[in-house]
C-alpha atoms as a PDB file:
ATOM      1  CA  UNK A   1      38.843 -51.117  23.907  1.00  0.00           C
ATOM      2  CA  UNK A   2      37.280 -51.308  27.333  1.00  0.00           C
ATOM      3  CA  UNK A   3      37.982 -47.618  27.879  1.00  0.00           C
ATOM      4  CA  UNK A   4      36.313 -46.704  24.591  1.00  0.00           C
ATOM      5  CA  UNK A   5      33.229 -48.664  25.595  1.00  0.00           C
ATOM      6  CA  UNK A   6      33.043 -46.827  28.902  1.00  0.00           C
ATOM      7  CA  UNK A   7      33.515 -43.486  27.163  1.00  0.00           C
ATOM      8  CA  UNK A   8      30.824 -44.359  24.639  1.00  0.00           C
ATOM      9  CA  UNK A   9      28.558 -45.635  27.403  1.00  0.00           C
ATOM     10  CA  UNK A  10      28.778 -42.288  29.218  1.00  0.00           C
ATOM     11  CA  UNK A  11      29.352 -39.910  26.312  1.00  0.00           C
ATOM     12  CA  UNK A  12      26.438 -40.959  24.090  1.00  0.00           C
ATOM     13  CA  UNK A  13      23.723 -40.640  26.758  1.00  0.00           C
ATOM     14  CA  UNK A  14      25.258 -37.360  27.901  1.00  0.00           C
ATOM     15  CA  UNK A  15      25.271 -36.100  24.312  1.00  0.00           C
ATOM     16  CA  UNK A  16      21.696 -37.277  23.854  1.00  0.00           C
ATOM     17  CA  UNK A  17      20.562 -35.449  27.007  1.00  0.00           C
ATOM     18  CA  UNK A  18      22.339 -32.261  25.941  1.00  0.00           C
ATOM     19  CA  UNK A  19      20.844 -32.308  22.450  1.00  0.00           C
ATOM     20  CA  UNK A  20      17.343 -33.095  23.696  1.00  0.00           C
ATOM     21  CA  UNK A  21      17.701 -30.403  26.385  1.00  0.00           C
ATOM     22  CA  UNK A  22      18.786 -27.858  23.767  1.00  0.00           C
ATOM     23  CA  UNK A  23      15.845 -28.750  21.513  1.00  0.00           C
ATOM     24  CA  UNK A  24      13.449 -28.575  24.464  1.00  0.00           C
ATOM     25  CA  UNK A  25      14.949 -25.235  25.536  1.00  0.00           C
ATOM     26  CA  UNK A  26      14.539 -23.896  22.010  1.00  0.00           C
ATOM     27  CA  UNK A  27      10.842 -24.731  21.966  1.00  0.00           C
ATOM     28  CA  UNK A  28      10.262 -23.406  25.485  1.00  0.00           C
ATOM     29  CA  UNK A  29      12.025 -20.127  24.661  1.00  0.00           C
ATOM     30  CA  UNK A  30       9.884 -19.665  21.552  1.00  0.00           C
ATOM     31  CA  UNK A  31       6.735 -20.566  23.490  1.00  0.00           C
ATOM     32  CA  UNK A  32       7.468 -17.711  25.897  1.00  0.00           C
ATOM     33  CA  UNK A  33       9.211 -15.112  23.699  1.00  0.00           C
ATOM     34  CA  UNK A  34       8.202 -16.063  20.173  1.00  0.00           C
ATOM     35  CA  UNK A  35       5.882 -14.374  17.710  1.00  0.00           C
ATOM     36  CA  UNK A  36       2.833 -16.016  19.292  1.00  0.00           C
ATOM     37  CA  UNK A  37       4.307 -16.545  22.751  1.00  0.00           C
ATOM     38  CA  UNK A  38       3.065 -15.670  26.189  1.00  0.00           C
ATOM     39  CA  UNK A  39       4.786 -12.272  26.352  1.00  0.00           C
ATOM     40  CA  UNK A  40       3.376 -11.086  23.041  1.00  0.00           C
ATOM     41  CA  UNK A  41      -0.156 -11.776  24.249  1.00  0.00           C
ATOM     42  CA  UNK A  42       0.143  -8.784  26.586  1.00  0.00           C
ATOM     43  CA  UNK A  43       1.507  -6.622  23.781  1.00  0.00           C
ATOM     44  CA  UNK A  44      -1.383  -7.635  21.520  1.00  0.00           C
ATOM     45  CA  UNK A  45      -3.893  -6.839  24.269  1.00  0.00           C
ATOM     46  CA  UNK A  46      -2.290  -3.416  24.723  1.00  0.00           C
ATOM     47  CA  UNK A  47      -2.458  -2.755  20.957  1.00  0.00           C
ATOM     48  CA  UNK A  48      -6.106  -3.842  20.921  1.00  0.00           C
ATOM     49  CA  UNK A  49      -6.913  -1.471  23.787  1.00  0.00           C
ATOM     50  CA  UNK A  50      -5.148   1.404  21.993  1.00  0.00           C
ATOM     51  CA  UNK A  51      -6.948   0.700  18.729  1.00  0.00           C
ATOM     52  CA  UNK A  52     -10.305   0.457  20.516  1.00  0.00           C
ATOM     53  CA  UNK A  53      -9.766   3.849  22.143  1.00  0.00           C
ATOM     54  CA  UNK A  54      -8.841   5.278  18.718  1.00  0.00           C
ATOM     55  CA  UNK A  55     -11.999   3.725  17.298  1.00  0.00           C
ATOM     56  CA  UNK A  56     -14.103   5.304  20.053  1.00  0.00           C
ATOM     57  CA  UNK A  57     -12.540   8.708  19.326  1.00  0.00           C
ATOM     58  CA  UNK A  58     -13.246   8.307  15.622  1.00  0.00           C
ATOM     59  CA  UNK A  59     -16.853   7.321  16.351  1.00  0.00           C
ATOM     60  CA  UNK A  60     -17.288  10.495  18.400  1.00  0.00           C
ATOM     61  CA  UNK A  61     -15.798  12.567  15.593  1.00  0.00           C
ATOM     62  CA  UNK A  62     -18.076  10.813  13.088  1.00  0.00           C
ATOM     63  CA  UNK A  63     -21.110  11.605  15.229  1.00  0.00           C
ATOM     64  CA  UNK A  64     -20.015  15.248  15.425  1.00  0.00           C
ATOM     65  CA  UNK A  65     -19.681  15.440  11.634  1.00  0.00           C
ATOM     66  CA  UNK A  66     -23.047  13.727  11.182  1.00  0.00           C
ATOM     67  CA  UNK A  67     -24.623  16.344  13.425  1.00  0.00           C
ATOM     68  CA  UNK A  68     -23.032  19.200  11.486  1.00  0.00           C
ATOM     69  CA  UNK A  69     -24.125  17.673   8.176  1.00  0.00           C
ATOM     70  CA  UNK A  70     -27.657  17.255   9.464  1.00  0.00           C
ATOM     71  CA  UNK A  71     -27.683  20.964  10.329  1.00  0.00           C
ATOM     72  CA  UNK A  72     -26.653  21.880   6.783  1.00  0.00           C
ATOM     73  CA  UNK A  73     -28.964  19.497   4.978  1.00  0.00           C
ATOM     74  CA  UNK A  74     -32.669  19.018   5.332  1.00  0.00           C
ATOM     75  CA  UNK A  75     -35.658  21.300   5.333  1.00  0.00           C
ATOM     76  CA  UNK A  76     -34.204  23.939   7.634  1.00  0.00           C
ATOM     77  CA  UNK A  77     -30.594  24.962   7.284  1.00  0.00           C
ATOM     78  CA  UNK A  78     -28.788  26.464  10.252  1.00  0.00           C
ATOM     79  CA  UNK A  79     -27.900  29.903   8.952  1.00  0.00           C
ATOM     80  CA  UNK A  80     -25.069  30.530  11.387  1.00  0.00           C
ATOM     81  CA  UNK A  81     -23.319  27.326  10.442  1.00  0.00           C
ATOM     82  CA  UNK A  82     -23.886  27.997   6.737  1.00  0.00           C
ATOM     83  CA  UNK A  83     -22.478  31.505   7.141  1.00  0.00           C
ATOM     84  CA  UNK A  84     -19.439  30.149   9.017  1.00  0.00           C
ATOM     85  CA  UNK A  85     -18.748  27.518   6.366  1.00  0.00           C
ATOM     86  CA  UNK A  86     -19.062  29.914   3.436  1.00  0.00           C
ATOM     87  CA  UNK A  87     -16.787  32.475   5.055  1.00  0.00           C
ATOM     88  CA  UNK A  88     -14.135  29.862   5.804  1.00  0.00           C
ATOM     89  CA  UNK A  89     -14.305  28.480   2.246  1.00  0.00           C
ATOM     90  CA  UNK A  90     -14.174  31.909   0.605  1.00  0.00           C
ATOM     91  CA  UNK A  91     -11.664  33.369   3.042  1.00  0.00           C
ATOM     92  CA  UNK A  92     -13.815  36.437   3.694  1.00  0.00           C
ATOM     93  CA  UNK A  93     -14.922  38.194   6.851  1.00  0.00           C
ATOM     94  CA  UNK A  94     -17.659  40.661   7.614  1.00  0.00           C
ATOM     95  CA  UNK A  95     -16.571  44.198   8.400  1.00  0.00           C
ATOM     96  CA  UNK A  96     -18.209  43.917  11.821  1.00  0.00           C
ATOM     97  CA  UNK A  97     -16.298  40.758  12.729  1.00  0.00           C
ATOM     98  CA  UNK A  98     -13.354  40.833  15.092  1.00  0.00           C
ATOM     99  CA  UNK A  99     -10.377  38.897  13.710  1.00  0.00           C
ATOM    100  CA  UNK A 100      -7.686  37.650  16.089  1.00  0.00           C
ATOM    101  CA  UNK A 101      -4.376  36.375  14.678  1.00  0.00           C
ATOM    102  CA  UNK A 102      -2.483  33.841  16.740  1.00  0.00           C
ATOM    103  CA  UNK A 103       1.286  33.456  16.335  1.00  0.00           C
ATOM    104  CA  UNK A 104       2.271  30.246  14.592  1.00  0.00           C
ATOM    105  CA  UNK A 105       3.944  27.629  16.702  1.00  0.00           C
ATOM    106  CA  UNK A 106       7.466  26.936  15.510  1.00  0.00           C
ATOM    107  CA  UNK A 107       8.434  23.311  15.005  1.00  0.00           C
END
């Protein structure tokens, strides 16, 4: 009986420390590596930077298209641009145009 009391007196606190340490370790691991942990903050910042650069590229492309549309609409229409667009849509060329065929890149 005395031995069991000594075992219980040492085993129960030891078990309690191990369980509480495991629970604490679980929460610490998830605080560092989890879905909203410290390491994912850097990944999110990198994704945000990539998406912002993509957004800047798209804004530049949008401005380019706005400029081309403004040349085709309005009081004065840019004849060269209109001629280029109609030829590309119809698939025609002028007999005085020089046509250069590039080889297709194989995938």
